[in-house]
Amino acid sequence: MSKKGIIAALVLLLMTFGFGPRLMASCESDCQEGYNSEAISCEEQFNDPDDADQLKDCMDSAKNEYDSCLVECQDQDSQE
């Protein structure tokens, strides 16, 4: 096996068993942080009982964005 082949194999192993899972975890934690921030924003913006429907819509939107973010993480992970 050539030197380039050995280096490519090592990089593949690192991505599979080393960096890949950590990158996925980082991506998921970024999604979670984004969701938490959006949820707090929704609660601050729609804190009146009369705003219950708007709060629900805002929280649903935050959840949808979170779910989309997780799908993007999975897509990134499968491409590596």
PDB file of N, CA and C in Angstrom:
ATOM      1  N   MET A   1       0.846  -1.179   0.000  1.00  0.00           N
ATOM      2  CA  MET A   1       0.000   0.000   0.000  1.00  0.00           C
ATOM      3  C   MET A   1       0.892   1.244   0.000  1.00  0.00           C
ATOM      4  N   SER A   2       0.507   2.209  -0.800  1.00  0.00           N
ATOM      5  CA  SER A   2       1.305   3.427  -0.905  1.00  0.00           C
ATOM      6  C   SER A   2       1.119   4.305   0.328  1.00  0.00           C
ATOM      7  N   LYS A   3       2.005   5.268   0.439  1.00  0.00           N
ATOM      8  CA  LYS A   3       1.932   6.203   1.562  1.00  0.00           C
ATOM      9  C   LYS A   3       0.606   6.965   1.553  1.00  0.00           C
ATOM     10  N   LYS A   4       0.155   7.385   0.371  1.00  0.00           N
ATOM     11  CA  LYS A   4      -1.122   8.088   0.251  1.00  0.00           C
ATOM     12  C   LYS A   4      -2.281   7.189   0.655  1.00  0.00           C
ATOM     13  N   GLY A   5      -2.197   5.921   0.299  1.00  0.00           N
ATOM     14  CA  GLY A   5      -3.243   4.959   0.656  1.00  0.00           C
ATOM     15  C   GLY A   5      -3.337   4.766   2.164  1.00  0.00           C
ATOM     16  N   ILE A   6      -2.193   4.693   2.809  1.00  0.00           N
ATOM     17  CA  ILE A   6      -2.164   4.539   4.270  1.00  0.00           C
ATOM     18  C   ILE A   6      -2.751   5.777   4.937  1.00  0.00           C
ATOM     19  N   ILE A   7      -2.371   6.939   4.456  1.00  0.00           N
ATOM     20  CA  ILE A   7      -2.898   8.193   5.022  1.00  0.00           C
ATOM     21  C   ILE A   7      -4.404   8.260   4.823  1.00  0.00           C
ATOM     22  N   ALA A   8      -4.883   7.902   3.638  1.00  0.00           N
ATOM     23  CA  ALA A   8      -6.326   7.921   3.373  1.00  0.00           C
ATOM     24  C   ALA A   8      -7.058   6.958   4.295  1.00  0.00           C
ATOM     25  N   ALA A   9      -6.495   5.773   4.522  1.00  0.00           N
ATOM     26  CA  ALA A   9      -7.111   4.792   5.415  1.00  0.00           C
ATOM     27  C   ALA A   9      -7.162   5.315   6.846  1.00  0.00           C
ATOM     28  N   LEU A  10      -6.085   5.953   7.290  1.00  0.00           N
ATOM     29  CA  LEU A  10      -6.072   6.511   8.648  1.00  0.00           C
ATOM     30  C   LEU A  10      -7.096   7.627   8.803  1.00  0.00           C
ATOM     31  N   VAL A  11      -7.202   8.476   7.808  1.00  0.00           N
ATOM     32  CA  VAL A  11      -8.190   9.550   7.853  1.00  0.00           C
ATOM     33  C   VAL A  11      -9.592   8.961   7.917  1.00  0.00           C
ATOM     34  N   LEU A  12      -9.852   7.943   7.130  1.00  0.00           N
ATOM     35  CA  LEU A  12     -11.159   7.288   7.136  1.00  0.00           C
ATOM     36  C   LEU A  12     -11.465   6.695   8.510  1.00  0.00           C
ATOM     37  N   LEU A  13     -10.475   6.040   9.110  1.00  0.00           N
ATOM     38  CA  LEU A  13     -10.672   5.469  10.450  1.00  0.00           C
ATOM     39  C   LEU A  13     -10.952   6.552  11.485  1.00  0.00           C
ATOM     40  N   LEU A  14     -10.211   7.652  11.412  1.00  0.00           N
ATOM     41  CA  LEU A  14     -10.437   8.747  12.354  1.00  0.00           C
ATOM     42  C   LEU A  14     -11.827   9.338  12.200  1.00  0.00           C
ATOM     43  N   MET A  15     -12.270   9.504  10.971  1.00  0.00           N
ATOM     44  CA  MET A  15     -13.598  10.071  10.736  1.00  0.00           C
ATOM     45  C   MET A  15     -14.684   9.107  11.207  1.00  0.00           C
ATOM     46  N   THR A  16     -14.464   7.818  11.009  1.00  0.00           N
ATOM     47  CA  THR A  16     -15.468   6.835  11.383  1.00  0.00           C
ATOM     48  C   THR A  16     -15.546   6.660  12.892  1.00  0.00           C
ATOM     49  N   PHE A  17     -14.410   6.527  13.534  1.00  0.00           N
ATOM     50  CA  PHE A  17     -14.412   6.203  14.955  1.00  0.00           C
ATOM     51  C   PHE A  17     -14.003   7.348  15.868  1.00  0.00           C
ATOM     52  N   GLY A  18     -13.475   8.390  15.316  1.00  0.00           N
ATOM     53  CA  GLY A  18     -12.994   9.488  16.150  1.00  0.00           C
ATOM     54  C   GLY A  18     -13.793  10.746  15.996  1.00  0.00           C
ATOM     55  N   PHE A  19     -13.527  11.466  14.935  1.00  0.00           N
ATOM     56  CA  PHE A  19     -14.115  12.783  14.758  1.00  0.00           C
ATOM     57  C   PHE A  19     -15.582  12.749  14.337  1.00  0.00           C
ATOM     58  N   GLY A  20     -15.977  11.796  13.529  1.00  0.00           N
ATOM     59  CA  GLY A  20     -17.349  11.731  13.012  1.00  0.00           C
ATOM     60  C   GLY A  20     -18.408  11.770  14.101  1.00  0.00           C
ATOM     61  N   PRO A  21     -18.343  10.847  15.080  1.00  0.00           N
ATOM     62  CA  PRO A  21     -19.344  10.876  16.149  1.00  0.00           C
ATOM     63  C   PRO A  21     -19.322  12.170  16.957  1.00  0.00           C
ATOM     64  N   ARG A  22     -18.133  12.729  17.158  1.00  0.00           N
ATOM     65  CA  ARG A  22     -18.054  13.991  17.904  1.00  0.00           C
ATOM     66  C   ARG A  22     -18.669  15.135  17.123  1.00  0.00           C
ATOM     67  N   LEU A  23     -18.456  15.160  15.815  1.00  0.00           N
ATOM     68  CA  LEU A  23     -19.059  16.207  14.990  1.00  0.00           C
ATOM     69  C   LEU A  23     -20.577  16.096  15.023  1.00  0.00           C
ATOM     70  N   MET A  24     -21.085  14.879  14.986  1.00  0.00           N
ATOM     71  CA  MET A  24     -22.528  14.662  15.046  1.00  0.00           C
ATOM     72  C   MET A  24     -23.064  15.171  16.384  1.00  0.00           C
ATOM     73  N   ALA A  25     -22.378  14.832  17.469  1.00  0.00           N
ATOM     74  CA  ALA A  25     -22.812  15.283  18.789  1.00  0.00           C
ATOM     75  C   ALA A  25     -22.783  16.804  18.859  1.00  0.00           C
ATOM     76  N   SER A  26     -21.769  17.412  18.277  1.00  0.00           N
ATOM     77  CA  SER A  26     -21.672  18.866  18.276  1.00  0.00           C
ATOM     78  C   SER A  26     -22.823  19.475  17.486  1.00  0.00           C
ATOM     79  N   CYS A  27     -23.140  18.884  16.361  1.00  0.00           N
ATOM     80  CA  CYS A  27     -24.235  19.380  15.529  1.00  0.00           C
ATOM     81  C   CYS A  27     -25.552  19.275  16.295  1.00  0.00           C
ATOM     82  N   GLU A  28     -25.773  18.132  16.938  1.00  0.00           N
ATOM     83  CA  GLU A  28     -27.005  17.942  17.700  1.00  0.00           C
ATOM     84  C   GLU A  28     -27.089  18.924  18.866  1.00  0.00           C
ATOM     85  N   SER A  29     -25.973  19.174  19.525  1.00  0.00           N
ATOM     86  CA  SER A  29     -26.003  20.120  20.645  1.00  0.00           C
ATOM     87  C   SER A  29     -26.251  21.544  20.139  1.00  0.00           C
ATOM     88  N   ASP A  30     -25.736  21.861  18.945  1.00  0.00           N
ATOM     89  CA  ASP A  30     -26.039  23.165  18.346  1.00  0.00           C
ATOM     90  C   ASP A  30     -27.539  23.288  18.070  1.00  0.00           C
ATOM     91  N   CYS A  31     -28.139  22.210  17.581  1.00  0.00           N
ATOM     92  CA  CYS A  31     -29.595  22.211  17.338  1.00  0.00           C
ATOM     93  C   CYS A  31     -30.350  22.438  18.648  1.00  0.00           C
ATOM     94  N   GLN A  32     -29.914  21.737  19.693  1.00  0.00           N
ATOM     95  CA  GLN A  32     -30.579  21.849  20.989  1.00  0.00           C
ATOM     96  C   GLN A  32     -30.449  23.270  21.546  1.00  0.00           C
ATOM     97  N   GLU A  33     -29.267  23.843  21.412  1.00  0.00           N
ATOM     98  CA  GLU A  33     -29.063  25.217  21.891  1.00  0.00           C
ATOM     99  C   GLU A  33     -29.950  26.195  21.124  1.00  0.00           C
ATOM    100  N   GLY A  34     -30.055  25.996  19.823  1.00  0.00           N
ATOM    101  CA  GLY A  34     -30.923  26.843  19.012  1.00  0.00           C
ATOM    102  C   GLY A  34     -32.371  26.722  19.423  1.00  0.00           C
ATOM    103  N   TYR A  35     -32.803  25.503  19.668  1.00  0.00           N
ATOM    104  CA  TYR A  35     -34.182  25.276  20.106  1.00  0.00           C
ATOM    105  C   TYR A  35     -34.444  25.934  21.460  1.00  0.00           C
ATOM    106  N   ASN A  36     -33.521  25.731  22.391  1.00  0.00           N
ATOM    107  CA  ASN A  36     -33.687  26.328  23.723  1.00  0.00           C
ATOM    108  C   ASN A  36     -33.795  27.845  23.636  1.00  0.00           C
ATOM    109  N   SER A  37     -32.963  28.448  22.822  1.00  0.00           N
ATOM    110  CA  SER A  37     -32.980  29.895  22.646  1.00  0.00           C
ATOM    111  C   SER A  37     -34.313  30.360  22.054  1.00  0.00           C
ATOM    112  N   GLU A  38     -34.785  29.646  21.029  1.00  0.00           N
ATOM    113  CA  GLU A  38     -36.064  29.998  20.398  1.00  0.00           C
ATOM    114  C   GLU A  38     -37.224  29.832  21.373  1.00  0.00           C
ATOM    115  N   ALA A  39     -37.197  28.758  22.161  1.00  0.00           N
ATOM    116  CA  ALA A  39     -38.275  28.512  23.133  1.00  0.00           C
ATOM    117  C   ALA A  39     -38.332  29.632  24.165  1.00  0.00           C
ATOM    118  N   ILE A  40     -37.181  30.051  24.645  1.00  0.00           N
ATOM    119  CA  ILE A  40     -37.137  31.160  25.614  1.00  0.00           C
ATOM    120  C   ILE A  40     -37.668  32.428  24.975  1.00  0.00           C
ATOM    121  N   SER A  41     -37.268  32.679  23.740  1.00  0.00           N
ATOM    122  CA  SER A  41     -37.744  33.858  23.018  1.00  0.00           C
ATOM    123  C   SER A  41     -39.257  33.828  22.869  1.00  0.00           C
ATOM    124  N   CYS A  42     -39.804  32.664  22.541  1.00  0.00           N
ATOM    125  CA  CYS A  42     -41.261  32.530  22.410  1.00  0.00           C
ATOM    126  C   CYS A  42     -41.950  32.849  23.733  1.00  0.00           C
ATOM    127  N   GLU A  43     -41.429  32.282  24.804  1.00  0.00           N
ATOM    128  CA  GLU A  43     -42.035  32.484  26.120  1.00  0.00           C
ATOM    129  C   GLU A  43     -41.960  33.940  26.559  1.00  0.00           C
ATOM    130  N   GLU A  44     -40.861  34.611  26.225  1.00  0.00           N
ATOM    131  CA  GLU A  44     -40.729  36.023  26.580  1.00  0.00           C
ATOM    132  C   GLU A  44     -41.651  36.900  25.741  1.00  0.00           C
ATOM    133  N   GLN A  45     -41.788  36.549  24.478  1.00  0.00           N
ATOM    134  CA  GLN A  45     -42.587  37.355  23.565  1.00  0.00           C
ATOM    135  C   GLN A  45     -44.089  37.167  23.796  1.00  0.00           C
ATOM    136  N   PHE A  46     -44.494  35.948  24.102  1.00  0.00           N
ATOM    137  CA  PHE A  46     -45.921  35.642  24.249  1.00  0.00           C
ATOM    138  C   PHE A  46     -46.204  35.144  25.662  1.00  0.00           C
ATOM    139  N   ASN A  47     -46.000  36.011  26.647  1.00  0.00           N
ATOM    140  CA  ASN A  47     -46.142  35.613  28.043  1.00  0.00           C
ATOM    141  C   ASN A  47     -47.501  35.956  28.642  1.00  0.00           C
ATOM    142  N   ASP A  48     -48.383  36.522  27.858  1.00  0.00           N
ATOM    143  CA  ASP A  48     -49.722  36.859  28.317  1.00  0.00           C
ATOM    144  C   ASP A  48     -50.653  35.678  28.011  1.00  0.00           C
ATOM    145  N   PRO A  49     -51.562  35.323  28.931  1.00  0.00           N
ATOM    146  CA  PRO A  49     -52.488  34.216  28.658  1.00  0.00           C
ATOM    147  C   PRO A  49     -53.293  34.406  27.367  1.00  0.00           C
ATOM    148  N   ASP A  50     -53.530  35.653  26.991  1.00  0.00           N
ATOM    149  CA  ASP A  50     -54.259  35.910  25.749  1.00  0.00           C
ATOM    150  C   ASP A  50     -53.439  35.536  24.510  1.00  0.00           C
ATOM    151  N   ASP A  51     -52.153  35.357  24.684  1.00  0.00           N
ATOM    152  CA  ASP A  51     -51.259  35.031  23.572  1.00  0.00           C
ATOM    153  C   ASP A  51     -51.003  33.524  23.435  1.00  0.00           C
ATOM    154  N   ALA A  52     -51.849  32.717  24.064  1.00  0.00           N
ATOM    155  CA  ALA A  52     -51.605  31.269  24.097  1.00  0.00           C
ATOM    156  C   ALA A  52     -51.488  30.659  22.697  1.00  0.00           C
ATOM    157  N   ASP A  53     -52.356  31.073  21.785  1.00  0.00           N
ATOM    158  CA  ASP A  53     -52.296  30.518  20.428  1.00  0.00           C
ATOM    159  C   ASP A  53     -51.008  30.916  19.723  1.00  0.00           C
ATOM    160  N   GLN A  54     -50.598  32.167  19.908  1.00  0.00           N
ATOM    161  CA  GLN A  54     -49.350  32.625  19.291  1.00  0.00           C
ATOM    162  C   GLN A  54     -48.142  31.917  19.912  1.00  0.00           C
ATOM    163  N   LEU A  55     -48.207  31.689  21.211  1.00  0.00           N
ATOM    164  CA  LEU A  55     -47.127  30.963  21.881  1.00  0.00           C
ATOM    165  C   LEU A  55     -47.025  29.546  21.326  1.00  0.00           C
ATOM    166  N   LYS A  56     -48.157  28.888  21.166  1.00  0.00           N
ATOM    167  CA  LYS A  56     -48.156  27.539  20.616  1.00  0.00           C
ATOM    168  C   LYS A  56     -47.576  27.533  19.205  1.00  0.00           C
ATOM    169  N   ASP A  57     -47.987  28.483  18.374  1.00  0.00           N
ATOM    170  CA  ASP A  57     -47.453  28.564  17.005  1.00  0.00           C
ATOM    171  C   ASP A  57     -45.947  28.787  17.012  1.00  0.00           C
ATOM    172  N   CYS A  58     -45.483  29.665  17.883  1.00  0.00           N
ATOM    173  CA  CYS A  58     -44.053  29.960  17.991  1.00  0.00           C
ATOM    174  C   CYS A  58     -43.280  28.724  18.441  1.00  0.00           C
ATOM    175  N   MET A  59     -43.804  28.019  19.438  1.00  0.00           N
ATOM    176  CA  MET A  59     -43.141  26.817  19.933  1.00  0.00           C
ATOM    177  C   MET A  59     -43.150  25.716  18.870  1.00  0.00           C
ATOM    178  N   ASP A  60     -44.250  25.593  18.129  1.00  0.00           N
ATOM    179  CA  ASP A  60     -44.313  24.612  17.039  1.00  0.00           C
ATOM    180  C   ASP A  60     -43.266  24.924  15.978  1.00  0.00           C
ATOM    181  N   SER A  61     -43.108  26.200  15.668  1.00  0.00           N
ATOM    182  CA  SER A  61     -42.111  26.618  14.685  1.00  0.00           C
ATOM    183  C   SER A  61     -40.700  26.291  15.173  1.00  0.00           C
ATOM    184  N   ALA A  62     -40.442  26.554  16.447  1.00  0.00           N
ATOM    185  CA  ALA A  62     -39.128  26.246  17.023  1.00  0.00           C
ATOM    186  C   ALA A  62     -38.865  24.746  16.963  1.00  0.00           C
ATOM    187  N   LYS A  63     -39.874  23.943  17.258  1.00  0.00           N
ATOM    188  CA  LYS A  63     -39.734  22.486  17.216  1.00  0.00           C
ATOM    189  C   LYS A  63     -39.475  22.015  15.785  1.00  0.00           C
ATOM    190  N   ASN A  64     -40.182  22.593  14.822  1.00  0.00           N
ATOM    191  CA  ASN A  64     -39.965  22.225  13.421  1.00  0.00           C
ATOM    192  C   ASN A  64     -38.544  22.557  12.965  1.00  0.00           C
ATOM    193  N   GLU A  65     -38.052  23.719  13.391  1.00  0.00           N
ATOM    194  CA  GLU A  65     -36.682  24.101  13.058  1.00  0.00           C
ATOM    195  C   GLU A  65     -35.676  23.142  13.701  1.00  0.00           C
ATOM    196  N   TYR A  66     -35.951  22.748  14.930  1.00  0.00           N
ATOM    197  CA  TYR A  66     -35.095  21.799  15.641  1.00  0.00           C
ATOM    198  C   TYR A  66     -35.058  20.463  14.903  1.00  0.00           C
ATOM    199  N   ASP A  67     -36.230  19.970  14.516  1.00  0.00           N
ATOM    200  CA  ASP A  67     -36.299  18.696  13.787  1.00  0.00           C
ATOM    201  C   ASP A  67     -35.540  18.779  12.465  1.00  0.00           C
ATOM    202  N   SER A  68     -35.694  19.890  11.755  1.00  0.00           N
ATOM    203  CA  SER A  68     -34.975  20.075  10.486  1.00  0.00           C
ATOM    204  C   SER A  68     -33.467  20.107  10.714  1.00  0.00           C
ATOM    205  N   CYS A  69     -33.061  20.751  11.780  1.00  0.00           N
ATOM    206  CA  CYS A  69     -31.641  20.827  12.124  1.00  0.00           C
ATOM    207  C   CYS A  69     -31.081  19.430  12.374  1.00  0.00           C
ATOM    208  N   LEU A  70     -31.818  18.594  13.088  1.00  0.00           N
ATOM    209  CA  LEU A  70     -31.362  17.230  13.357  1.00  0.00           C
ATOM    210  C   LEU A  70     -31.233  16.426  12.065  1.00  0.00           C
ATOM    211  N   VAL A  71     -32.170  16.620  11.148  1.00  0.00           N
ATOM    212  CA  VAL A  71     -32.093  15.936   9.854  1.00  0.00           C
ATOM    213  C   VAL A  71     -30.837  16.375   9.106  1.00  0.00           C
ATOM    214  N   GLU A  72     -30.541  17.672   9.149  1.00  0.00           N
ATOM    215  CA  GLU A  72     -29.321  18.173   8.511  1.00  0.00           C
ATOM    216  C   GLU A  72     -28.081  17.549   9.140  1.00  0.00           C
ATOM    217  N   CYS A  73     -28.091  17.371  10.463  1.00  0.00           N
ATOM    218  CA  CYS A  73     -26.953  16.724  11.131  1.00  0.00           C
ATOM    219  C   CYS A  73     -26.790  15.300  10.622  1.00  0.00           C
ATOM    220  N   GLN A  74     -27.890  14.601  10.500  1.00  0.00           N
ATOM    221  CA  GLN A  74     -27.821  13.215  10.023  1.00  0.00           C
ATOM    222  C   GLN A  74     -27.326  13.166   8.591  1.00  0.00           C
ATOM    223  N   ASP A  75     -27.774  14.124   7.769  1.00  0.00           N
ATOM    224  CA  ASP A  75     -27.324  14.194   6.377  1.00  0.00           C
ATOM    225  C   ASP A  75     -25.817  14.458   6.306  1.00  0.00           C
ATOM    226  N   GLN A  76     -25.336  15.372   7.147  1.00  0.00           N
ATOM    227  CA  GLN A  76     -23.903  15.673   7.180  1.00  0.00           C
ATOM    228  C   GLN A  76     -23.112  14.458   7.622  1.00  0.00           C
ATOM    229  N   ASP A  77     -23.646  13.752   8.610  1.00  0.00           N
ATOM    230  CA  ASP A  77     -22.954  12.583   9.141  1.00  0.00           C
ATOM    231  C   ASP A  77     -22.874  11.475   8.097  1.00  0.00           C
ATOM    232  N   SER A  78     -23.925  11.310   7.298  1.00  0.00           N
ATOM    233  CA  SER A  78     -23.930  10.254   6.289  1.00  0.00           C
ATOM    234  C   SER A  78     -23.028  10.584   5.095  1.00  0.00           C
ATOM    235  N   GLN A  79     -22.716  11.860   4.890  1.00  0.00           N
ATOM    236  CA  GLN A  79     -21.853  12.269   3.791  1.00  0.00           C
ATOM    237  C   GLN A  79     -20.382  12.111   4.144  1.00  0.00           C
ATOM    238  N   GLU A  80     -20.083  11.976   5.418  1.00  0.00           N
ATOM    239  CA  GLU A  80     -18.679  11.876   5.837  1.00  0.00           C
ATOM    240  C   GLU A  80     -18.239  10.444   5.890  1.00  0.00           C
TER     241      GLU A  80
END
